[in-house]
Protein backbone atom coordinates (compact mmCIF):
# COMPACT_ATOMS: atom_id res chain seq x y z
CA MET A 1 145.27 -4.20 -53.99
CA GLU A 2 144.06 -3.26 -56.70
CA ALA A 3 140.95 -5.40 -58.39
CA LEU A 4 140.28 -3.71 -61.59
CA SER A 5 140.97 -0.38 -62.88
CA PHE A 6 138.71 1.09 -65.70
CA ALA A 7 139.13 4.63 -67.18
CA LEU A 8 137.76 6.56 -70.31
CA PRO A 9 138.99 9.91 -71.34
CA ARG A 10 137.87 12.88 -69.30
CA MET A 11 135.94 15.61 -71.00
CA PRO A 12 134.98 18.67 -70.31
CA PHE A 13 117.72 14.86 -53.38
CA ALA A 14 115.76 15.89 -53.21
CA ARG A 15 112.27 14.02 -51.96
CA GLY A 16 111.51 11.34 -53.77
CA LEU A 17 114.08 9.62 -54.81
CA LEU A 18 114.23 5.74 -54.79
CA ILE A 19 116.84 3.67 -53.71
CA PHE A 20 119.07 1.50 -56.22
CA LEU A 21 119.39 -1.38 -53.80
CA ALA A 22 120.64 -4.78 -55.17
CA LEU A 23 121.41 -3.55 -58.65
CA CYS A 24 123.93 -6.25 -59.21
CA VAL A 25 121.96 -9.19 -60.25
CA PRO A 26 122.40 -12.46 -62.23
CA ALA A 27 122.50 -10.25 -65.30
CA CYS A 28 125.76 -8.51 -63.91
CA ALA A 29 127.31 -11.42 -61.96
CA ALA A 30 130.00 -12.20 -64.11
CA SER A 31 131.57 -8.83 -63.19
CA ALA A 32 130.47 -8.69 -59.86
CA ARG A 33 130.31 -5.21 -59.90
CA PRO A 34 127.46 -2.79 -59.37
CA ALA A 35 125.63 -2.31 -62.44
CA LEU A 36 126.36 1.98 -63.18
CA ILE A 37 123.95 3.87 -65.83
CA PRO A 38 125.45 6.03 -66.89
CA LEU A 39 128.96 4.52 -66.65
CA PRO A 40 131.32 7.04 -64.88
CA ALA A 41 134.53 8.42 -66.82
CA GLN A 42 136.89 6.79 -65.01
CA ILE A 43 136.41 4.35 -62.26
CA ALA A 44 138.86 1.87 -60.42
CA TRP A 45 137.62 -0.77 -58.76
CA HIS A 46 139.55 -2.11 -55.31
CA ASP A 47 139.28 -4.89 -52.67
CA GLY A 48 137.17 -4.57 -49.39
CA ALA A 49 133.69 -2.74 -48.94
CA VAL A 50 132.39 -0.06 -46.63
CA ARG A 51 129.61 -0.70 -44.44
CA ILE A 52 126.90 0.63 -44.21
CA ASN A 53 124.16 -0.14 -41.51
CA ALA A 54 122.30 2.15 -38.97
CA ASP A 55 125.17 3.42 -37.18
CA THR A 56 126.29 5.05 -40.35
CA ARG A 57 126.96 8.37 -40.16
CA VAL A 58 126.30 11.52 -43.18
CA GLU A 59 128.45 14.39 -42.35
CA ALA A 60 128.11 17.82 -44.11
CA ARG A 61 128.44 21.05 -44.19
CA GLY A 62 126.93 24.35 -45.65
CA GLU A 63 125.45 23.92 -48.81
CA ALA A 64 126.46 20.45 -48.90
CA ALA A 65 123.99 19.84 -46.23
CA SER A 66 121.04 19.56 -48.02
CA VAL A 67 122.39 16.73 -50.29
CA ALA A 68 123.37 14.96 -47.09
CA ALA A 69 119.99 15.29 -45.83
CA ASN A 70 118.45 13.95 -48.89
CA LEU A 71 120.89 11.32 -49.63
CA SER A 72 120.38 9.77 -45.32
CA SER A 73 116.87 9.75 -45.79
CA GLN A 74 117.28 7.89 -49.25
CA LEU A 75 119.36 5.32 -47.19
CA GLY A 76 117.19 5.31 -43.96
CA LEU A 77 120.36 6.61 -41.83
CA LYS A 78 119.11 8.93 -39.16
CA GLN A 79 120.57 12.30 -38.76
CA GLY A 80 123.31 12.91 -36.30
CA ALA A 81 124.11 8.78 -35.80
CA ARG A 82 127.61 8.34 -34.36
CA GLY A 83 130.22 5.27 -34.77
CA GLY A 84 130.29 2.73 -37.69
CA SER A 85 131.34 3.61 -41.35
CA ARG A 86 131.33 7.54 -42.63
CA ILE A 87 129.67 9.25 -45.56
CA ARG A 88 131.58 12.58 -46.21
CA LEU A 89 129.83 14.90 -48.66
CA THR A 90 132.39 18.47 -49.37
CA LEU A 91 132.49 21.18 -51.31
CA VAL A 92 135.77 22.00 -52.86
CA PRO A 93 137.36 24.66 -55.26
CA ALA A 94 137.05 24.15 -59.10
CA SER A 95 140.80 23.65 -58.59
CA VAL A 96 139.76 20.28 -57.42
CA VAL A 97 136.36 19.43 -59.25
CA ALA A 98 137.00 21.45 -62.61
CA SER A 99 133.53 20.51 -63.95
CA PRO A 100 130.39 21.84 -61.85
CA GLU A 101 128.36 18.84 -62.38
CA GLY A 102 131.97 16.78 -61.68
CA TYR A 103 132.77 15.03 -58.72
CA ARG A 104 134.95 12.50 -56.71
CA LEU A 105 133.54 9.46 -54.95
CA ARG A 106 136.47 7.35 -52.96
CA ALA A 107 134.82 4.19 -50.88
CA ALA A 108 137.32 2.76 -48.58
CA GLY A 109 137.77 1.28 -45.06
CA LYS A 110 134.89 2.87 -43.00
CA ASP A 111 134.77 5.90 -45.36
CA ILE A 112 132.90 7.20 -48.26
CA ALA A 113 133.67 10.68 -49.80
CA ILE A 114 132.17 12.80 -52.48
CA GLU A 115 133.93 15.95 -53.34
CA ALA A 116 132.34 18.15 -55.73
CA SER A 117 132.95 22.31 -56.28
CA ASP A 118 129.55 22.99 -56.81
CA PRO A 119 125.75 20.92 -55.04
CA ARG A 120 125.35 19.67 -58.74
CA GLY A 121 128.26 17.71 -58.65
CA LEU A 122 127.33 16.62 -55.03
CA PHE A 123 124.21 15.65 -56.10
CA TYR A 124 125.21 13.65 -58.90
CA GLY A 125 127.87 12.01 -56.64
CA ALA A 126 125.14 10.96 -54.19
CA GLN A 127 122.79 9.42 -56.96
CA THR A 128 125.96 7.24 -58.40
CA LEU A 129 126.45 6.44 -54.63
CA LEU A 130 122.93 4.93 -54.50
CA GLN A 131 123.51 2.76 -57.15
CA LEU A 132 127.03 1.20 -55.53
CA VAL A 133 124.66 0.39 -52.59
CA GLU A 134 124.60 -3.34 -52.68
CA LYS A 135 122.31 -5.44 -50.47
CA GLY A 136 123.41 -9.26 -49.04
CA PRO A 137 121.69 -12.33 -48.60
CA GLY A 138 121.28 -11.22 -45.10
CA GLY A 139 120.01 -7.90 -45.95
CA GLU A 140 123.38 -6.18 -44.99
CA ARG A 141 124.59 -3.31 -47.17
CA THR A 142 127.92 -2.54 -48.56
CA VAL A 143 129.63 -0.47 -50.91
CA GLN A 144 132.29 -2.14 -52.68
CA ALA A 145 136.06 0.11 -52.51
CA VAL A 146 135.81 2.18 -55.62
CA GLU A 147 137.49 5.75 -56.82
CA ILE A 148 135.20 7.29 -59.08
CA ASP A 149 136.31 10.42 -61.53
CA ASP A 150 133.31 12.12 -63.13
CA ALA A 151 132.03 14.70 -65.01
CA PRO A 152 129.22 14.75 -68.04
CA ARG A 153 129.89 15.26 -71.42
CA PHE A 154 127.42 17.82 -72.60
CA ARG A 155 126.07 20.46 -70.65
CA TRP A 156 122.24 19.87 -71.90
CA ARG A 157 120.95 16.28 -71.46
CA GLY A 158 117.18 16.40 -72.04
CA LEU A 159 113.84 15.09 -72.38
CA THR A 160 110.76 16.59 -74.21
CA VAL A 161 107.05 15.70 -72.78
CA ASP A 162 104.60 16.34 -75.02
CA VAL A 163 101.29 17.46 -72.63
CA ALA A 164 99.39 19.14 -75.34
CA ARG A 165 98.25 16.70 -77.96
CA HIS A 166 97.34 14.21 -74.81
CA PHE A 167 97.30 15.91 -71.25
CA PHE A 168 99.88 14.51 -68.85
CA GLY A 169 99.28 15.87 -65.20
CA ARG A 170 101.90 16.81 -62.57
CA GLU A 171 101.93 12.91 -61.13
CA ALA A 172 102.96 11.94 -64.02
CA LEU A 173 105.78 14.43 -64.38
CA ILE A 174 106.95 13.87 -61.17
CA LYS A 175 107.51 10.02 -61.62
CA ILE A 176 109.46 11.48 -64.74
CA ILE A 177 111.38 13.77 -62.82
CA ASP A 178 112.31 11.31 -60.39
CA GLU A 179 114.07 9.27 -62.79
CA MET A 180 115.22 12.05 -64.69
CA GLY A 181 117.17 13.34 -61.64
CA ALA A 182 118.31 9.50 -60.63
CA TYR A 183 120.03 9.03 -63.97
CA LYS A 184 121.45 12.66 -64.03
CA LEU A 185 119.58 14.17 -66.70
CA ASN A 186 118.72 18.30 -66.41
CA VAL A 187 116.31 19.44 -68.91
CA LEU A 188 112.59 18.58 -68.85
CA LYS A 189 111.44 20.54 -71.71
CA LEU A 190 107.55 20.58 -71.77
CA HIS A 191 105.64 20.79 -75.25
CA LEU A 192 102.83 22.82 -73.57
CA THR A 193 100.68 24.15 -76.97
CA ASP A 194 100.00 22.66 -80.19
CA TYR A 195 96.89 22.13 -82.39
CA GLU A 196 95.16 19.49 -79.86
CA GLY A 197 95.66 21.34 -76.55
CA TRP A 198 96.58 24.42 -74.67
CA ARG A 199 98.22 23.38 -71.43
CA PHE A 200 98.43 26.59 -69.08
CA GLU A 201 97.40 29.75 -67.75
CA VAL A 202 97.38 32.82 -69.01
CA PRO A 203 95.17 35.29 -67.31
CA ALA A 204 94.90 37.73 -69.64
CA TYR A 205 93.82 35.50 -72.15
CA PRO A 206 91.18 32.71 -70.31
CA ARG A 207 89.73 30.88 -73.33
CA LEU A 208 93.26 29.83 -73.73
CA THR A 209 92.40 27.38 -71.46
CA GLY A 210 88.55 27.81 -71.59
CA ILE A 211 88.41 26.81 -74.81
CA GLY A 212 91.86 25.61 -75.95
CA ALA A 213 92.45 23.23 -73.11
CA LEU A 214 88.99 20.97 -73.42
CA VAL A 215 89.49 17.05 -73.63
CA ASP A 216 85.97 15.58 -73.77
CA GLY A 217 84.36 18.94 -72.59
CA GLN A 218 86.62 19.53 -69.72
CA PRO A 219 89.38 21.61 -69.34
CA ARG A 220 92.66 19.72 -68.77
CA TYR A 221 95.84 22.06 -68.30
CA PHE A 222 98.39 23.46 -65.43
CA THR A 223 97.61 25.80 -63.08
CA ALA A 224 100.22 28.48 -62.42
CA ALA A 225 100.10 26.28 -58.86
CA ASP A 226 101.04 23.34 -60.87
CA ILE A 227 103.84 24.48 -62.49
CA ARG A 228 105.30 26.03 -59.52
CA GLU A 229 104.82 22.68 -57.61
CA ILE A 230 106.69 21.13 -60.97
CA VAL A 231 109.59 23.62 -61.33
CA ALA A 232 110.56 23.78 -57.78
CA TYR A 233 110.41 19.25 -57.48
CA ALA A 234 112.36 19.67 -60.55
CA ALA A 235 114.86 22.12 -59.19
CA ASP A 236 115.59 20.04 -56.23
CA HIS A 237 116.70 17.37 -58.37
CA HIS A 238 118.86 19.84 -60.38
CA ILE A 239 116.56 19.76 -63.11
CA ILE A 240 115.36 23.07 -65.17
CA VAL A 241 111.77 23.49 -66.90
CA VAL A 242 112.13 24.84 -70.41
CA PRO A 243 108.17 25.80 -71.65
CA GLU A 244 107.50 25.31 -75.38
CA ILE A 245 105.27 27.71 -76.63
CA GLU A 246 104.54 26.70 -80.82
CA MET A 247 104.55 29.57 -82.91
CA PRO A 248 104.17 30.58 -85.69
CA GLY A 249 102.55 27.03 -86.61
CA HIS A 250 101.08 24.36 -84.50
CA ALA A 251 98.69 26.98 -83.32
CA GLY A 252 95.16 25.21 -83.77
CA ALA A 253 94.38 25.20 -79.67
CA ALA A 254 95.39 29.15 -79.61
CA ALA A 255 93.39 30.02 -82.45
CA ARG A 256 89.97 28.27 -81.31
CA ALA A 257 90.09 30.74 -78.50
CA TYR A 258 91.47 34.19 -80.23
CA PRO A 259 90.80 33.37 -84.21
CA LYS A 260 91.84 37.09 -84.82
CA TYR A 261 95.55 36.90 -84.02
CA PHE A 262 95.68 33.96 -86.67
CA ASN A 263 95.47 32.53 -90.28
CA LYS A 264 91.81 31.97 -92.13
CA GLU A 265 92.44 28.31 -91.07
CA GLY A 266 93.78 28.62 -87.76
CA SER A 267 96.56 26.83 -87.93
CA ALA A 268 99.16 29.43 -87.56
CA PHE A 269 99.64 33.07 -86.17
CA ASN A 270 98.64 36.10 -88.39
CA PRO A 271 102.03 37.71 -88.70
CA ALA A 272 100.52 41.03 -90.43
CA ASN A 273 98.52 41.72 -87.25
CA PRO A 274 100.05 44.39 -84.82
CA GLU A 275 98.23 42.90 -82.33
CA THR A 276 99.39 39.46 -82.22
CA TYR A 277 102.62 40.38 -81.14
CA ASP A 278 100.59 41.99 -78.14
CA PHE A 279 99.14 38.55 -77.90
CA VAL A 280 102.34 37.09 -78.15
CA ARG A 281 103.94 39.14 -75.62
CA SER A 282 101.39 38.28 -72.77
CA ILE A 283 101.97 34.87 -73.61
CA LEU A 284 105.44 35.03 -73.25
CA THR A 285 105.60 37.19 -70.27
CA GLU A 286 103.18 34.70 -68.13
CA ALA A 287 105.45 31.95 -69.37
CA ALA A 288 108.45 33.84 -68.30
CA ARG A 289 107.17 34.53 -64.77
CA LEU A 290 106.16 30.77 -64.15
CA PHE A 291 109.37 29.21 -65.67
CA PRO A 292 112.41 30.61 -64.17
CA ALA A 293 114.84 28.70 -66.50
CA PRO A 294 116.98 30.46 -68.68
CA TYR A 295 115.35 29.24 -72.09
CA ILE A 296 112.20 29.70 -73.58
CA HIS A 297 111.30 27.10 -76.67
CA PHE A 298 109.11 28.84 -79.29
CA GLY A 299 109.48 26.28 -82.04
CA GLY A 300 109.77 27.95 -85.13
CA ASP A 301 108.81 24.43 -86.98
CA GLU A 302 106.62 23.09 -89.89
CA VAL A 303 105.17 26.43 -91.34
CA GLY A 304 103.34 25.18 -94.52
CA ASP A 305 104.25 27.17 -97.90
CA GLU A 306 100.61 28.22 -98.63
CA VAL A 307 99.66 29.07 -94.84
CA TRP A 308 99.63 32.58 -95.31
CA ASN A 309 98.13 32.91 -98.85
CA GLY A 310 95.06 34.79 -100.10
CA MET A 311 95.64 37.23 -96.71
CA ALA A 312 95.62 40.53 -98.01
CA ASP A 313 97.35 42.05 -94.69
CA VAL A 314 100.00 39.63 -95.22
CA GLU A 315 100.41 40.65 -98.82
CA ARG A 316 100.65 44.51 -97.33
CA LEU A 317 102.95 43.22 -95.20
CA LYS A 318 105.48 41.40 -97.61
CA ALA A 319 105.36 44.65 -99.70
CA GLU A 320 106.12 46.99 -96.96
CA GLN A 321 108.79 44.57 -95.51
CA ASN A 322 110.42 43.46 -98.97
CA LEU A 323 109.54 39.97 -97.79
CA LYS A 324 109.71 37.50 -101.15
CA SER A 325 108.48 33.82 -99.73
CA THR A 326 106.75 32.34 -96.71
CA ASP A 327 110.30 31.58 -95.63
CA ASP A 328 110.47 35.60 -95.44
CA VAL A 329 107.58 36.05 -93.49
CA GLU A 330 108.38 33.36 -91.38
CA ALA A 331 111.80 35.05 -90.67
CA TYR A 332 110.44 38.60 -90.23
CA PHE A 333 107.57 36.81 -87.39
CA GLY A 334 110.86 34.61 -85.80
CA ARG A 335 112.91 38.09 -85.41
CA ARG A 336 109.89 39.84 -83.42
CA VAL A 337 109.66 36.63 -81.45
CA VAL A 338 113.02 36.75 -80.84
CA ALA A 339 113.13 40.09 -79.39
CA ILE A 340 110.35 39.92 -77.07
CA ILE A 341 111.97 36.73 -75.43
CA GLU A 342 114.87 38.84 -74.58
CA SER A 343 113.59 41.50 -73.30
CA LEU A 344 111.95 39.56 -70.64
CA GLY A 345 115.51 38.24 -69.93
CA LYS A 346 115.20 34.91 -71.70
CA ARG A 347 117.51 33.18 -74.16
CA PRO A 348 115.16 31.77 -77.14
CA MET A 349 115.48 28.30 -78.41
CA ALA A 350 113.56 26.69 -81.52
CA TRP A 351 113.82 24.00 -84.09
CA ASP A 352 116.29 24.16 -86.67
CA GLU A 353 113.72 25.21 -89.62
CA GLN A 354 114.97 28.45 -88.13
CA VAL A 355 118.36 27.99 -89.41
CA ASP A 356 116.80 28.31 -92.39
CA ALA A 357 114.86 31.73 -91.28
CA ASN A 358 118.34 33.19 -90.70
CA ALA A 359 117.37 33.20 -86.99
CA PRO A 360 119.52 35.54 -84.73
CA LYS A 361 122.64 33.62 -83.74
CA SER A 362 121.45 34.01 -79.96
CA VAL A 363 118.37 31.55 -80.39
CA VAL A 364 119.92 27.67 -79.49
CA ILE A 365 118.92 25.48 -82.10
CA GLN A 366 117.13 22.50 -81.88
CA TRP A 367 118.30 19.66 -84.71
CA TRP A 368 115.53 17.03 -85.64
CA ARG A 369 115.46 16.85 -89.52
CA ARG A 370 117.51 13.43 -89.52
CA ASP A 371 117.77 14.02 -93.49
CA LYS A 372 119.07 16.91 -93.38
CA PRO A 373 121.97 17.12 -91.41
CA GLU A 374 123.57 20.23 -93.68
CA VAL A 375 121.36 22.55 -91.66
CA ARG A 376 123.14 21.19 -88.30
CA ASP A 377 126.39 21.80 -89.95
CA ALA A 378 125.17 25.20 -90.93
CA ALA A 379 124.25 25.86 -87.71
CA VAL A 380 127.56 25.01 -85.80
CA ARG A 381 129.62 26.72 -88.65
CA ASN A 382 127.74 29.45 -87.92
CA GLY A 383 127.84 30.34 -84.74
CA TYR A 384 124.67 28.87 -83.41
CA ASP A 385 124.61 26.78 -79.89
CA LEU A 386 122.94 23.26 -80.85
CA VAL A 387 120.79 20.69 -79.38
CA ALA A 388 120.82 17.57 -81.16
CA SER A 389 117.29 15.40 -81.09
CA PRO A 390 117.12 13.71 -84.58
CA ALA A 391 114.20 11.92 -85.48
CA ASP A 392 115.58 8.84 -86.04
CA GLN A 393 117.68 8.45 -83.00
CA LEU A 394 116.02 10.26 -80.01
CA TYR A 395 111.73 10.37 -80.65
CA PHE A 396 110.11 7.89 -78.32
CA ASP A 397 107.18 7.97 -79.94
CA TYR A 398 108.96 5.72 -82.58
CA PRO A 399 108.65 1.98 -82.05
CA GLN A 400 111.13 -0.09 -80.05
CA GLY A 401 111.13 -2.98 -82.02
CA PRO A 402 110.08 -4.47 -85.33
CA GLY A 403 106.25 -4.84 -85.00
CA GLU A 404 105.93 -2.53 -82.15
CA PRO A 405 103.30 0.19 -81.72
CA GLY A 406 104.71 3.48 -82.25
CA ALA A 407 104.19 6.76 -84.95
CA PRO A 408 104.11 6.19 -88.22
CA TRP A 409 106.70 9.07 -89.19
CA GLU A 410 109.97 9.26 -91.15
CA GLY A 411 111.46 8.79 -88.24
CA ASN A 412 111.12 5.01 -88.73
CA LYS A 413 114.23 5.08 -91.55
CA GLY A 414 116.56 2.85 -90.77
CA GLY A 415 114.66 0.54 -88.33
CA PRO A 416 113.00 0.74 -85.12
CA GLN A 417 114.25 2.90 -82.62
CA SER A 418 116.23 0.12 -80.30
CA ILE A 419 118.42 1.12 -78.07
CA GLY A 420 120.82 -0.55 -79.71
CA LYS A 421 120.49 1.89 -82.80
CA MET A 422 120.66 4.73 -80.06
CA LEU A 423 123.94 3.67 -78.60
CA ALA A 424 125.68 3.34 -82.01
CA TRP A 425 124.71 7.01 -82.76
CA GLU A 426 127.87 10.02 -82.38
CA PRO A 427 126.19 13.17 -81.65
CA VAL A 428 129.28 15.14 -82.80
CA PRO A 429 130.40 14.33 -86.19
CA ASP A 430 133.61 13.42 -86.27
CA GLY A 431 134.49 15.83 -89.18
CA PHE A 432 133.97 19.21 -86.98
CA THR A 433 136.31 21.76 -85.90
CA PRO A 434 136.91 22.33 -81.80
CA ASP A 435 134.59 25.47 -82.43
CA GLU A 436 132.16 23.69 -84.17
CA GLN A 437 132.23 20.97 -81.50
CA ALA A 438 131.73 23.38 -78.85
CA HIS A 439 128.62 24.47 -80.27
CA VAL A 440 126.97 21.21 -79.73
CA ILE A 441 125.63 21.72 -76.21
CA GLY A 442 124.15 18.61 -75.94
CA ILE A 443 121.26 16.12 -76.94
CA GLU A 444 117.36 15.67 -75.90
CA ALA A 445 115.08 12.82 -76.67
CA ALA A 446 111.25 13.59 -77.13
CA VAL A 447 108.05 11.52 -76.56
CA TRP A 448 105.62 12.91 -78.71
CA THR A 449 102.03 11.87 -77.55
CA GLU A 450 99.52 12.08 -80.79
CA PHE A 451 99.19 8.15 -80.25
CA ILE A 452 100.17 8.07 -76.57
CA ALA A 453 96.88 8.51 -74.64
CA THR A 454 97.92 6.20 -71.35
CA GLU A 455 100.90 7.14 -68.70
CA ARG A 456 100.92 3.69 -68.62
CA TYR A 457 101.78 3.42 -72.44
CA LEU A 458 104.05 6.72 -72.05
CA GLN A 459 105.90 4.80 -69.54
CA PHE A 460 106.18 2.36 -71.89
CA MET A 461 107.85 4.40 -74.65
CA THR A 462 110.04 6.13 -72.40
CA PHE A 463 111.70 3.45 -70.27
CA PRO A 464 114.37 2.11 -70.55
CA ARG A 465 115.13 4.33 -73.41
CA VAL A 466 115.85 7.29 -71.28
CA LEU A 467 118.70 5.33 -69.56
CA ALA A 468 120.24 5.10 -72.75
CA LEU A 469 119.86 8.66 -73.45
CA ALA A 470 121.25 9.33 -70.20
CA GLU A 471 124.76 6.68 -71.08
CA ILE A 472 125.09 8.85 -74.41
CA ALA A 473 124.96 11.92 -72.52
CA TRP A 474 126.74 11.84 -69.51
CA ARG A 475 129.90 9.42 -70.82
CA PRO A 476 132.63 10.42 -72.65
CA LYS A 477 133.03 10.04 -76.37
CA GLY A 478 133.92 6.60 -77.44
CA PRO A 479 132.11 3.25 -78.74
CA ARG A 480 129.69 1.81 -77.19
CA ASP A 481 129.01 -2.00 -76.74
CA GLU A 482 125.34 -3.07 -76.90
CA ARG A 483 125.40 -6.20 -75.22
CA GLU A 484 127.86 -4.52 -72.30
CA PHE A 485 125.27 -1.81 -71.91
CA SER A 486 122.06 -4.54 -72.05
CA ASP A 487 123.89 -6.51 -69.23
CA ARG A 488 123.87 -3.03 -66.61
CA LEU A 489 120.26 -2.11 -67.97
CA ALA A 490 118.43 -5.14 -66.66
CA PRO A 491 118.61 -4.77 -63.10
CA HIS A 492 117.29 -1.13 -63.42
CA ILE A 493 114.59 -2.24 -65.70
CA ASP A 494 113.69 -4.76 -62.67
CA ALA A 495 114.04 -1.52 -60.32
CA LEU A 496 111.97 0.43 -62.39
CA ARG A 497 109.06 -2.24 -62.46
CA ALA A 498 109.39 -2.54 -58.52
CA LYS A 499 108.31 0.86 -58.16
CA GLY A 500 105.41 1.01 -60.49
CA ILE A 501 106.61 2.06 -63.64
CA ASN A 502 105.76 0.12 -66.85
CA ALA A 503 109.83 -0.14 -68.42
CA ARG A 504 109.83 -2.22 -71.69
CA ARG A 505 111.33 -5.64 -70.84
CA GLY A 506 111.51 -6.82 -74.27
CA GLU A 507 108.83 -7.65 -77.62
CA GLY A 508 106.35 -9.38 -75.29
CA ASP A 509 105.42 -6.54 -73.48
CA ALA A 510 104.31 -4.73 -76.55
CA TYR A 511 101.30 -6.56 -77.33
CA GLU A 512 99.06 -4.92 -74.40
CA PHE A 513 99.52 -1.47 -76.87
CA ILE A 514 99.47 -3.33 -80.27
CA THR A 515 95.94 -2.40 -81.50
CA ASN A 516 94.03 -3.44 -84.76
């Protein structure tokens, strides 16, 4: 007999993940249901439960076997167990589960079945199953009878971590990857270069790390081996790692190392020096080699109007190419960089200033300027794919509550970036046509680190807001109830803190980071 049915419209393990047990605590006791984040697209609860014990067996074949092995490990089950209940993972045709990231999960009697048309879907179904496991007072584990049909709203569900301003190494990123995978996020973008630091090796230009990566006199950067390990670990969690290498601006670290390729202030690449493009190609070639993701982000933002003033070679370039303004020079540089990225078999990505620069339509635009919705609208109207990252909704360096620490920039307009503010945001305006809606491929939050120097503070600013990000990115379009989400969120905060992650519980936790 069906106890409760809840449905929303459908829209089109890796080591290290920790088990979410006992998620249904007093915060969700009123519903007596596991506190799932993100909430599945369609879910129907039924009477009864499936027991999970030492005799529970996990079955899978072919490509499903690796997901099954990791699920067995996280549940503490022995491979090859016989008897008792069964967890079965199966790859099925796309006619059964259309979305490659979608899945079907059924729990009844002695059986739990997860079906998907792609290993990604099986992985996400397994993450949901881990959240469904409840632990009783005597230690027994059960999964309530349920039917779930689920798929993500957006195919790009991302988080930028700025490792350039303050460096956070492999261990810090591994912890973030664990939680991204558990909550079904699938893009980690690393902001690798800026004024403060250059954070990856380019063998042809050793001073990039020898000079540009110095922190208190010591180089702090990712070796090629570090990056390979991070990329492989992320791939186990079905996460791609996208490098962001800022140009032409935000380039001070590289300019300190190789000033010949930059303006006289050392803040921006020199677009008039032919050797600059050899330098850029070497950098991007190494990035393409280290990062197998299909994208390279080249920044392209915040180039000041006077950045190339007084440079005779830039004036010659403007005359030769009939360039009238700084924007025109930036557009010329951007086209050259886009051509290099595409020649390396990658798709270019850039911040929304590149819409103003009339970048080629192959560039994925990341819209961040909250006060320029017309740029977002022009991007999708003109056929650019777009990732939404408005500063006033998805920049995690901003304060989470009144009086709390955080960046002082323009993203504070409209109040602190609370989870309630995030949940009230709709990424796709109602006025978009179906074609324009299709160009909004996803959303991405960013944690910038100008003011974040410790891992503990990084975690405080990221968690639990990143779980709200996952909720918005995964669930179908529709209203979100802040109180209902907060009830589901509470046991996840407890679980994060039990794992040693400094997730914010409330404004009292902010006092540790307030300085005078």
